[in-house]
All heavy atoms as atom14 arrays in JSON, in Angstrom:
{
  "sequence": "FIYDAEEIEKRPELLEPVDYKEAHEILKRERKHAKKWLKEMLE",
  "atom14_mask": [
    [1, 1, 1, 1, 1, 1, 1, 1, 1, 1, 1, 0, 0, 0],
    [1, 1, 1, 1, 1, 1, 1, 1, 0, 0, 0, 0, 0, 0],
    [1, 1, 1, 1, 1, 1, 1, 1, 1, 1, 1, 1, 0, 0],
    [1, 1, 1, 1, 1, 1, 1, 1, 0, 0, 0, 0, 0, 0],
    [1, 1, 1, 1, 1, 0, 0, 0, 0, 0, 0, 0, 0, 0],
    [1, 1, 1, 1, 1, 1, 1, 1, 1, 0, 0, 0, 0, 0],
    [1, 1, 1, 1, 1, 1, 1, 1, 1, 0, 0, 0, 0, 0],
    [1, 1, 1, 1, 1, 1, 1, 1, 0, 0, 0, 0, 0, 0],
    [1, 1, 1, 1, 1, 1, 1, 1, 1, 0, 0, 0, 0, 0],
    [1, 1, 1, 1, 1, 1, 1, 1, 1, 0, 0, 0, 0, 0],
    [1, 1, 1, 1, 1, 1, 1, 1, 1, 1, 1, 0, 0, 0],
    [1, 1, 1, 1, 1, 1, 1, 0, 0, 0, 0, 0, 0, 0],
    [1, 1, 1, 1, 1, 1, 1, 1, 1, 0, 0, 0, 0, 0],
    [1, 1, 1, 1, 1, 1, 1, 1, 0, 0, 0, 0, 0, 0],
    [1, 1, 1, 1, 1, 1, 1, 1, 0, 0, 0, 0, 0, 0],
    [1, 1, 1, 1, 1, 1, 1, 1, 1, 0, 0, 0, 0, 0],
    [1, 1, 1, 1, 1, 1, 1, 0, 0, 0, 0, 0, 0, 0],
    [1, 1, 1, 1, 1, 1, 1, 0, 0, 0, 0, 0, 0, 0],
    [1, 1, 1, 1, 1, 1, 1, 1, 0, 0, 0, 0, 0, 0],
    [1, 1, 1, 1, 1, 1, 1, 1, 1, 1, 1, 1, 0, 0],
    [1, 1, 1, 1, 1, 1, 1, 1, 1, 0, 0, 0, 0, 0],
    [1, 1, 1, 1, 1, 1, 1, 1, 1, 0, 0, 0, 0, 0],
    [1, 1, 1, 1, 1, 0, 0, 0, 0, 0, 0, 0, 0, 0],
    [1, 1, 1, 1, 1, 1, 1, 1, 1, 1, 0, 0, 0, 0],
    [1, 1, 1, 1, 1, 1, 1, 1, 1, 0, 0, 0, 0, 0],
    [1, 1, 1, 1, 1, 1, 1, 1, 0, 0, 0, 0, 0, 0],
    [1, 1, 1, 1, 1, 1, 1, 1, 0, 0, 0, 0, 0, 0],
    [1, 1, 1, 1, 1, 1, 1, 1, 1, 0, 0, 0, 0, 0],
    [1, 1, 1, 1, 1, 1, 1, 1, 1, 1, 1, 0, 0, 0],
    [1, 1, 1, 1, 1, 1, 1, 1, 1, 0, 0, 0, 0, 0],
    [1, 1, 1, 1, 1, 1, 1, 1, 1, 1, 1, 0, 0, 0],
    [1, 1, 1, 1, 1, 1, 1, 1, 1, 0, 0, 0, 0, 0],
    [1, 1, 1, 1, 1, 1, 1, 1, 1, 1, 0, 0, 0, 0],
    [1, 1, 1, 1, 1, 0, 0, 0, 0, 0, 0, 0, 0, 0],
    [1, 1, 1, 1, 1, 1, 1, 1, 1, 0, 0, 0, 0, 0],
    [1, 1, 1, 1, 1, 1, 1, 1, 1, 0, 0, 0, 0, 0],
    [1, 1, 1, 1, 1, 1, 1, 1, 1, 1, 1, 1, 1, 1],
    [1, 1, 1, 1, 1, 1, 1, 1, 0, 0, 0, 0, 0, 0],
    [1, 1, 1, 1, 1, 1, 1, 1, 1, 0, 0, 0, 0, 0],
    [1, 1, 1, 1, 1, 1, 1, 1, 1, 0, 0, 0, 0, 0],
    [1, 1, 1, 1, 1, 1, 1, 1, 0, 0, 0, 0, 0, 0],
    [1, 1, 1, 1, 1, 1, 1, 1, 0, 0, 0, 0, 0, 0],
    [1, 1, 1, 1, 1, 1, 1, 1, 1, 0, 0, 0, 0, 0]
  ],
  "atom14_positions": [
    [[100.23, 108.15, 131.75], [99.51, 108.57, 132.93], [100.05, 108.05, 134.2], [100.28, 106.82, 134.28], [98.02, 108.19, 132.77], [97.28, 108.93, 131.68], [97.46, 108.64, 130.39], [96.34, 109.96, 132.04], [96.8, 109.27, 129.37], [95.68, 110.65, 131.03], [95.87, 110.33, 129.67], [0.0, 0.0, 0.0], [0.0, 0.0, 0.0], [0.0, 0.0, 0.0]],
    [[100.32, 108.93, 135.16], [100.87, 108.43, 136.43], [100.04, 108.92, 137.57], [99.26, 109.87, 137.46], [102.35, 108.94, 136.61], [102.41, 110.45, 136.63], [103.22, 108.33, 135.49], [103.84, 111.0, 136.84], [0.0, 0.0, 0.0], [0.0, 0.0, 0.0], [0.0, 0.0, 0.0], [0.0, 0.0, 0.0], [0.0, 0.0, 0.0], [0.0, 0.0, 0.0]],
    [[100.17, 108.3, 138.73], [99.42, 108.69, 139.89], [100.18, 109.6, 140.88], [99.6, 110.19, 141.72], [98.97, 107.38, 140.66], [97.93, 106.6, 139.88], [98.31, 105.55, 139.09], [96.59, 106.91, 139.92], [97.41, 104.79, 138.38], [95.65, 106.24, 139.21], [96.03, 105.15, 138.47], [95.14, 104.43, 137.75], [0.0, 0.0, 0.0], [0.0, 0.0, 0.0]],
    [[101.48, 109.62, 140.75], [102.33, 110.32, 141.65], [103.4, 111.12, 140.9], [104.13, 110.52, 140.09], [102.96, 109.36, 142.64], [103.73, 110.01, 143.76], [104.04, 111.23, 143.62], [104.04, 109.35, 144.8], [0.0, 0.0, 0.0], [0.0, 0.0, 0.0], [0.0, 0.0, 0.0], [0.0, 0.0, 0.0], [0.0, 0.0, 0.0], [0.0, 0.0, 0.0]],
    [[103.49, 112.39, 141.09], [104.5, 113.21, 140.4], [105.92, 112.69, 140.65], [106.78, 112.89, 139.77], [104.4, 114.67, 140.78], [0.0, 0.0, 0.0], [0.0, 0.0, 0.0], [0.0, 0.0, 0.0], [0.0, 0.0, 0.0], [0.0, 0.0, 0.0], [0.0, 0.0, 0.0], [0.0, 0.0, 0.0], [0.0, 0.0, 0.0], [0.0, 0.0, 0.0]],
    [[106.22, 112.07, 141.78], [107.53, 111.61, 142.06], [107.98, 110.44, 141.13], [109.18, 110.17, 141.1], [107.57, 111.17, 143.53], [107.45, 112.39, 144.49], [107.46, 111.95, 145.96], [107.36, 110.73, 146.26], [107.6, 112.84, 146.83], [0.0, 0.0, 0.0], [0.0, 0.0, 0.0], [0.0, 0.0, 0.0], [0.0, 0.0, 0.0], [0.0, 0.0, 0.0]],
    [[107.02, 109.86, 140.48], [107.34, 108.77, 139.53], [108.23, 109.32, 138.39], [109.0, 108.53, 137.77], [106.1, 108.13, 138.93], [105.32, 107.26, 139.85], [104.13, 106.58, 139.13], [104.37, 105.99, 138.02], [102.99, 106.74, 139.62], [0.0, 0.0, 0.0], [0.0, 0.0, 0.0], [0.0, 0.0, 0.0], [0.0, 0.0, 0.0], [0.0, 0.0, 0.0]],
    [[108.08, 110.59, 138.05], [108.75, 111.13, 136.84], [110.26, 110.97, 136.95], [110.93, 110.61, 135.98], [108.32, 112.63, 136.66], [106.81, 112.7, 136.3], [109.17, 113.32, 135.57], [106.28, 114.1, 136.16], [0.0, 0.0, 0.0], [0.0, 0.0, 0.0], [0.0, 0.0, 0.0], [0.0, 0.0, 0.0], [0.0, 0.0, 0.0], [0.0, 0.0, 0.0]],
    [[110.85, 111.26, 138.12], [112.25, 111.18, 138.26], [112.72, 109.69, 138.21], [113.87, 109.4, 137.89], [112.69, 111.8, 139.58], [112.62, 113.33, 139.56], [113.32, 113.98, 140.72], [114.42, 113.52, 141.06], [112.75, 114.9, 141.33], [0.0, 0.0, 0.0], [0.0, 0.0, 0.0], [0.0, 0.0, 0.0], [0.0, 0.0, 0.0], [0.0, 0.0, 0.0]],
    [[111.88, 108.75, 138.58], [112.21, 107.35, 138.63], [112.04, 106.62, 137.28], [112.5, 105.49, 137.13], [111.39, 106.64, 139.73], [111.54, 107.21, 141.09], [110.54, 106.62, 142.09], [110.61, 107.29, 143.44], [109.51, 106.77, 144.36], [0.0, 0.0, 0.0], [0.0, 0.0, 0.0], [0.0, 0.0, 0.0], [0.0, 0.0, 0.0], [0.0, 0.0, 0.0]],
    [[111.33, 107.28, 136.37], [110.98, 106.59, 135.11], [111.45, 107.49, 133.92], [110.64, 108.23, 133.33], [109.49, 106.31, 135.03], [108.98, 105.31, 136.05], [107.48, 105.17, 135.96], [107.03, 104.83, 134.56], [105.76, 104.89, 134.2], [104.82, 105.29, 135.02], [105.44, 104.61, 132.9], [0.0, 0.0, 0.0], [0.0, 0.0, 0.0], [0.0, 0.0, 0.0]],
    [[112.69, 107.37, 133.53], [113.21, 108.18, 132.39], [112.51, 107.95, 131.09], [112.5, 108.83, 130.21], [114.65, 107.77, 132.31], [114.78, 106.47, 133.06], [113.72, 106.5, 134.1], [0.0, 0.0, 0.0], [0.0, 0.0, 0.0], [0.0, 0.0, 0.0], [0.0, 0.0, 0.0], [0.0, 0.0, 0.0], [0.0, 0.0, 0.0], [0.0, 0.0, 0.0]],
    [[111.81, 106.8, 130.91], [111.09, 106.52, 129.68], [109.96, 107.48, 129.46], [109.47, 107.67, 128.36], [110.62, 105.09, 129.64], [109.47, 104.77, 130.59], [109.94, 104.33, 131.99], [111.14, 104.55, 132.31], [109.07, 103.79, 132.74], [0.0, 0.0, 0.0], [0.0, 0.0, 0.0], [0.0, 0.0, 0.0], [0.0, 0.0, 0.0], [0.0, 0.0, 0.0]],
    [[109.47, 108.12, 130.58], [108.37, 109.09, 130.46], [108.78, 110.32, 129.65], [107.94, 111.05, 129.16], [107.88, 109.55, 131.84], [107.1, 108.52, 132.69], [106.98, 109.04, 134.11], [105.78, 108.22, 132.01], [0.0, 0.0, 0.0], [0.0, 0.0, 0.0], [0.0, 0.0, 0.0], [0.0, 0.0, 0.0], [0.0, 0.0, 0.0], [0.0, 0.0, 0.0]],
    [[110.06, 110.59, 129.48], [110.58, 111.74, 128.76], [110.8, 111.44, 127.3], [111.11, 112.31, 126.5], [111.86, 112.25, 129.39], [111.74, 113.19, 130.62], [111.04, 112.48, 131.78], [113.08, 113.67, 131.01], [0.0, 0.0, 0.0], [0.0, 0.0, 0.0], [0.0, 0.0, 0.0], [0.0, 0.0, 0.0], [0.0, 0.0, 0.0], [0.0, 0.0, 0.0]],
    [[110.51, 110.17, 126.89], [110.69, 109.78, 125.49], [109.51, 110.22, 124.64], [108.43, 110.5, 125.17], [110.85, 108.27, 125.43], [112.08, 107.72, 126.12], [113.39, 108.27, 125.56], [113.47, 108.35, 124.3], [114.3, 108.64, 126.3], [0.0, 0.0, 0.0], [0.0, 0.0, 0.0], [0.0, 0.0, 0.0], [0.0, 0.0, 0.0], [0.0, 0.0, 0.0]],
    [[109.71, 110.33, 123.31], [108.6, 110.62, 122.46], [107.45, 109.64, 122.56], [107.68, 108.48, 122.95], [109.23, 110.61, 121.02], [110.73, 110.79, 121.26], [111.01, 110.12, 122.61], [0.0, 0.0, 0.0], [0.0, 0.0, 0.0], [0.0, 0.0, 0.0], [0.0, 0.0, 0.0], [0.0, 0.0, 0.0], [0.0, 0.0, 0.0], [0.0, 0.0, 0.0]],
    [[106.28, 110.03, 122.13], [105.09, 109.16, 122.16], [104.83, 108.61, 120.77], [104.81, 109.39, 119.81], [103.86, 109.9, 122.7], [102.61, 108.95, 122.65], [104.11, 110.48, 124.06], [0.0, 0.0, 0.0], [0.0, 0.0, 0.0], [0.0, 0.0, 0.0], [0.0, 0.0, 0.0], [0.0, 0.0, 0.0], [0.0, 0.0, 0.0], [0.0, 0.0, 0.0]],
    [[104.64, 107.33, 120.64], [104.28, 106.74, 119.37], [102.78, 106.79, 119.26], [102.06, 106.05, 119.92], [104.74, 105.26, 119.33], [104.4, 104.62, 117.97], [103.74, 105.24, 117.14], [104.86, 103.46, 117.73], [0.0, 0.0, 0.0], [0.0, 0.0, 0.0], [0.0, 0.0, 0.0], [0.0, 0.0, 0.0], [0.0, 0.0, 0.0], [0.0, 0.0, 0.0]],
    [[102.29, 107.7, 118.41], [100.85, 107.93, 118.34], [100.13, 107.13, 117.23], [98.92, 107.32, 116.99], [100.58, 109.42, 118.09], [100.54, 110.22, 119.34], [101.53, 111.16, 119.62], [99.46, 110.07, 120.18], [101.43, 111.88, 120.83], [99.33, 110.88, 121.34], [100.36, 111.72, 121.66], [100.32, 112.5, 122.82], [0.0, 0.0, 0.0], [0.0, 0.0, 0.0]],
    [[100.82, 106.21, 116.55], [100.2, 105.47, 115.45], [98.93, 104.8, 115.9], [97.88, 104.91, 115.22], [101.21, 104.49, 114.86], [100.67, 103.76, 113.64], [101.74, 102.84, 113.04], [101.14, 102.15, 111.77], [102.11, 101.17, 111.21], [0.0, 0.0, 0.0], [0.0, 0.0, 0.0], [0.0, 0.0, 0.0], [0.0, 0.0, 0.0], [0.0, 0.0, 0.0]],
    [[99.01, 103.96, 116.91], [97.85, 103.19, 117.38], [96.79, 104.18, 117.93], [95.6, 104.04, 117.67], [98.21, 102.18, 118.45], [97.03, 101.31, 118.91], [97.37, 100.31, 120.04], [98.46, 100.55, 120.64], [96.55, 99.45, 120.25], [0.0, 0.0, 0.0], [0.0, 0.0, 0.0], [0.0, 0.0, 0.0], [0.0, 0.0, 0.0], [0.0, 0.0, 0.0]],
    [[97.22, 105.14, 118.78], [96.2, 106.05, 119.34], [95.44, 106.82, 118.32], [94.19, 107.02, 118.49], [96.99, 107.01, 120.32], [0.0, 0.0, 0.0], [0.0, 0.0, 0.0], [0.0, 0.0, 0.0], [0.0, 0.0, 0.0], [0.0, 0.0, 0.0], [0.0, 0.0, 0.0], [0.0, 0.0, 0.0], [0.0, 0.0, 0.0], [0.0, 0.0, 0.0]],
    [[96.07, 107.29, 117.31], [95.42, 108.06, 116.3], [94.53, 107.19, 115.36], [93.54, 107.68, 114.8], [96.38, 108.87, 115.5], [96.88, 110.07, 116.25], [97.82, 110.93, 115.8], [96.43, 110.6, 117.49], [98.0, 111.92, 116.72], [97.18, 111.73, 117.71], [0.0, 0.0, 0.0], [0.0, 0.0, 0.0], [0.0, 0.0, 0.0], [0.0, 0.0, 0.0]],
    [[94.89, 105.92, 115.25], [93.94, 104.94, 114.57], [92.67, 104.77, 115.38], [91.58, 104.68, 114.84], [94.67, 103.62, 114.32], [95.65, 103.61, 113.18], [94.97, 103.9, 111.79], [93.87, 103.38, 111.57], [95.53, 104.73, 111.04], [0.0, 0.0, 0.0], [0.0, 0.0, 0.0], [0.0, 0.0, 0.0], [0.0, 0.0, 0.0], [0.0, 0.0, 0.0]],
    [[92.86, 104.66, 116.69], [91.73, 104.51, 117.59], [90.88, 105.76, 117.51], [89.63, 105.7, 117.48], [92.18, 104.25, 119.06], [92.87, 102.87, 119.16], [90.99, 104.34, 120.06], [93.61, 102.65, 120.47], [0.0, 0.0, 0.0], [0.0, 0.0, 0.0], [0.0, 0.0, 0.0], [0.0, 0.0, 0.0], [0.0, 0.0, 0.0], [0.0, 0.0, 0.0]],
    [[91.53, 106.93, 117.55], [90.8, 108.22, 117.47], [89.97, 108.29, 116.19], [88.78, 108.7, 116.2], [91.79, 109.36, 117.49], [91.22, 110.75, 117.27], [90.11, 111.1, 118.26], [92.34, 111.83, 117.36], [0.0, 0.0, 0.0], [0.0, 0.0, 0.0], [0.0, 0.0, 0.0], [0.0, 0.0, 0.0], [0.0, 0.0, 0.0], [0.0, 0.0, 0.0]],
    [[90.53, 107.85, 115.1], [89.78, 107.92, 113.78], [88.59, 107.02, 113.88], [87.48, 107.45, 113.46], [90.72, 107.47, 112.69], [90.12, 107.47, 111.28], [91.18, 107.02, 110.29], [90.58, 107.04, 108.85], [91.57, 106.6, 107.82], [0.0, 0.0, 0.0], [0.0, 0.0, 0.0], [0.0, 0.0, 0.0], [0.0, 0.0, 0.0], [0.0, 0.0, 0.0]],
    [[88.7, 105.86, 114.42], [87.59, 104.88, 114.54], [86.49, 105.43, 115.52], [85.32, 105.4, 115.22], [88.12, 103.54, 114.96], [87.02, 102.47, 115.08], [87.63, 101.15, 115.43], [88.15, 101.08, 116.75], [89.46, 100.94, 117.06], [90.38, 100.84, 116.11], [89.88, 100.89, 118.32], [0.0, 0.0, 0.0], [0.0, 0.0, 0.0], [0.0, 0.0, 0.0]],
    [[86.95, 105.89, 116.68], [86.0, 106.37, 117.69], [85.3, 107.65, 117.25], [84.13, 107.9, 117.63], [86.73, 106.57, 119.04], [87.29, 105.34, 119.68], [86.12, 104.47, 120.26], [85.04, 105.08, 120.57], [86.29, 103.24, 120.39], [0.0, 0.0, 0.0], [0.0, 0.0, 0.0], [0.0, 0.0, 0.0], [0.0, 0.0, 0.0], [0.0, 0.0, 0.0]],
    [[86.0, 108.54, 116.55], [85.38, 109.75, 116.03], [84.26, 109.39, 115.06], [83.16, 110.0, 115.23], [86.46, 110.63, 115.38], [85.92, 111.86, 114.75], [86.99, 112.61, 113.95], [87.96, 113.23, 114.88], [89.19, 113.43, 114.58], [89.73, 112.95, 113.44], [90.02, 114.03, 115.43], [0.0, 0.0, 0.0], [0.0, 0.0, 0.0], [0.0, 0.0, 0.0]],
    [[84.51, 108.44, 114.21], [83.45, 108.02, 113.25], [82.23, 107.52, 114.01], [81.12, 107.85, 113.66], [84.0, 106.96, 112.32], [83.07, 106.51, 111.28], [83.73, 105.48, 110.33], [82.72, 105.0, 109.27], [83.38, 104.0, 108.38], [0.0, 0.0, 0.0], [0.0, 0.0, 0.0], [0.0, 0.0, 0.0], [0.0, 0.0, 0.0], [0.0, 0.0, 0.0]],
    [[82.48, 106.67, 115.01], [81.35, 106.08, 115.82], [80.59, 107.18, 116.58], [79.31, 107.16, 116.51], [81.91, 105.08, 116.8], [80.92, 104.71, 117.9], [79.85, 103.9, 117.64], [80.9, 105.04, 119.19], [79.18, 103.73, 118.76], [79.75, 104.41, 119.7], [0.0, 0.0, 0.0], [0.0, 0.0, 0.0], [0.0, 0.0, 0.0], [0.0, 0.0, 0.0]],
    [[81.28, 108.13, 117.21], [80.64, 109.15, 117.96], [79.78, 110.04, 117.09], [78.6, 110.38, 117.43], [81.67, 109.96, 118.76], [0.0, 0.0, 0.0], [0.0, 0.0, 0.0], [0.0, 0.0, 0.0], [0.0, 0.0, 0.0], [0.0, 0.0, 0.0], [0.0, 0.0, 0.0], [0.0, 0.0, 0.0], [0.0, 0.0, 0.0], [0.0, 0.0, 0.0]],
    [[80.27, 110.44, 115.92], [79.58, 111.36, 115.07], [78.34, 110.65, 114.45], [77.3, 111.25, 114.35], [80.51, 111.82, 113.92], [81.63, 112.73, 114.4], [82.63, 113.14, 113.39], [81.99, 114.06, 112.38], [83.02, 114.6, 111.38], [0.0, 0.0, 0.0], [0.0, 0.0, 0.0], [0.0, 0.0, 0.0], [0.0, 0.0, 0.0], [0.0, 0.0, 0.0]],
    [[78.51, 109.32, 114.16], [77.42, 108.64, 113.58], [76.27, 108.46, 114.63], [75.09, 108.67, 114.32], [77.85, 107.19, 113.17], [76.81, 106.34, 112.55], [77.46, 105.08, 112.07], [76.4, 104.11, 111.44], [75.55, 103.48, 112.44], [0.0, 0.0, 0.0], [0.0, 0.0, 0.0], [0.0, 0.0, 0.0], [0.0, 0.0, 0.0], [0.0, 0.0, 0.0]],
    [[76.67, 108.17, 115.89], [75.64, 108.07, 116.98], [74.85, 109.33, 117.14], [73.57, 109.31, 117.13], [76.29, 107.67, 118.29], [75.26, 107.47, 119.37], [74.56, 106.36, 119.72], [74.83, 108.48, 120.31], [73.73, 106.53, 120.74], [73.86, 107.89, 121.1], [75.1, 109.83, 120.49], [73.16, 108.56, 122.18], [74.47, 110.52, 121.53], [73.5, 109.86, 122.37]],
    [[75.55, 110.48, 117.25], [74.89, 111.7, 117.5], [73.98, 112.1, 116.29], [72.86, 112.55, 116.48], [75.88, 112.88, 117.76], [75.28, 114.21, 118.03], [74.34, 114.16, 119.24], [76.34, 115.24, 118.28], [0.0, 0.0, 0.0], [0.0, 0.0, 0.0], [0.0, 0.0, 0.0], [0.0, 0.0, 0.0], [0.0, 0.0, 0.0], [0.0, 0.0, 0.0]],
    [[74.47, 111.94, 115.05], [73.7, 112.27, 113.88], [72.41, 111.42, 113.86], [71.27, 111.99, 113.61], [74.53, 112.02, 112.63], [73.88, 112.5, 111.33], [74.9, 112.33, 110.22], [74.33, 112.91, 108.87], [73.21, 112.15, 108.34], [0.0, 0.0, 0.0], [0.0, 0.0, 0.0], [0.0, 0.0, 0.0], [0.0, 0.0, 0.0], [0.0, 0.0, 0.0]],
    [[72.53, 110.14, 114.14], [71.3, 109.28, 114.14], [70.31, 109.67, 115.24], [69.13, 109.67, 114.98], [71.75, 107.8, 114.3], [72.44, 107.29, 113.05], [72.93, 105.81, 113.25], [72.88, 105.34, 114.4], [73.34, 105.19, 112.27], [0.0, 0.0, 0.0], [0.0, 0.0, 0.0], [0.0, 0.0, 0.0], [0.0, 0.0, 0.0], [0.0, 0.0, 0.0]],
    [[70.82, 110.05, 116.41], [69.96, 110.46, 117.45], [69.21, 111.73, 117.13], [68.05, 111.92, 117.43], [70.73, 110.65, 118.79], [71.2, 109.35, 119.43], [69.91, 108.24, 119.92], [69.96, 106.99, 118.65], [0.0, 0.0, 0.0], [0.0, 0.0, 0.0], [0.0, 0.0, 0.0], [0.0, 0.0, 0.0], [0.0, 0.0, 0.0], [0.0, 0.0, 0.0]],
    [[69.96, 112.67, 116.5], [69.28, 113.95, 116.12], [68.22, 113.73, 115.04], [67.22, 114.49, 115.01], [70.39, 114.94, 115.6], [71.36, 115.5, 116.67], [72.49, 116.19, 115.99], [70.57, 116.46, 117.63], [0.0, 0.0, 0.0], [0.0, 0.0, 0.0], [0.0, 0.0, 0.0], [0.0, 0.0, 0.0], [0.0, 0.0, 0.0], [0.0, 0.0, 0.0]],
    [[68.4, 112.77, 114.2], [67.49, 112.51, 113.15], [66.32, 111.62, 113.54], [65.24, 111.63, 112.89], [68.23, 111.8, 111.93], [69.25, 112.69, 111.27], [70.07, 111.94, 110.24], [70.0, 110.64, 110.24], [70.77, 112.56, 109.45], [0.0, 0.0, 0.0], [0.0, 0.0, 0.0], [0.0, 0.0, 0.0], [0.0, 0.0, 0.0], [0.0, 0.0, 0.0]]
  ]
}
């Protein structure tokens, strides 16, 4: 995430692949929490 489009030309690392291992572990955990909260509230 950047604040200025001009950063893209100055930061070649932005064009590299994204390592999603940690992000998708977080997603798995947060998805479980969100679904549990809504289910409990509905019940």
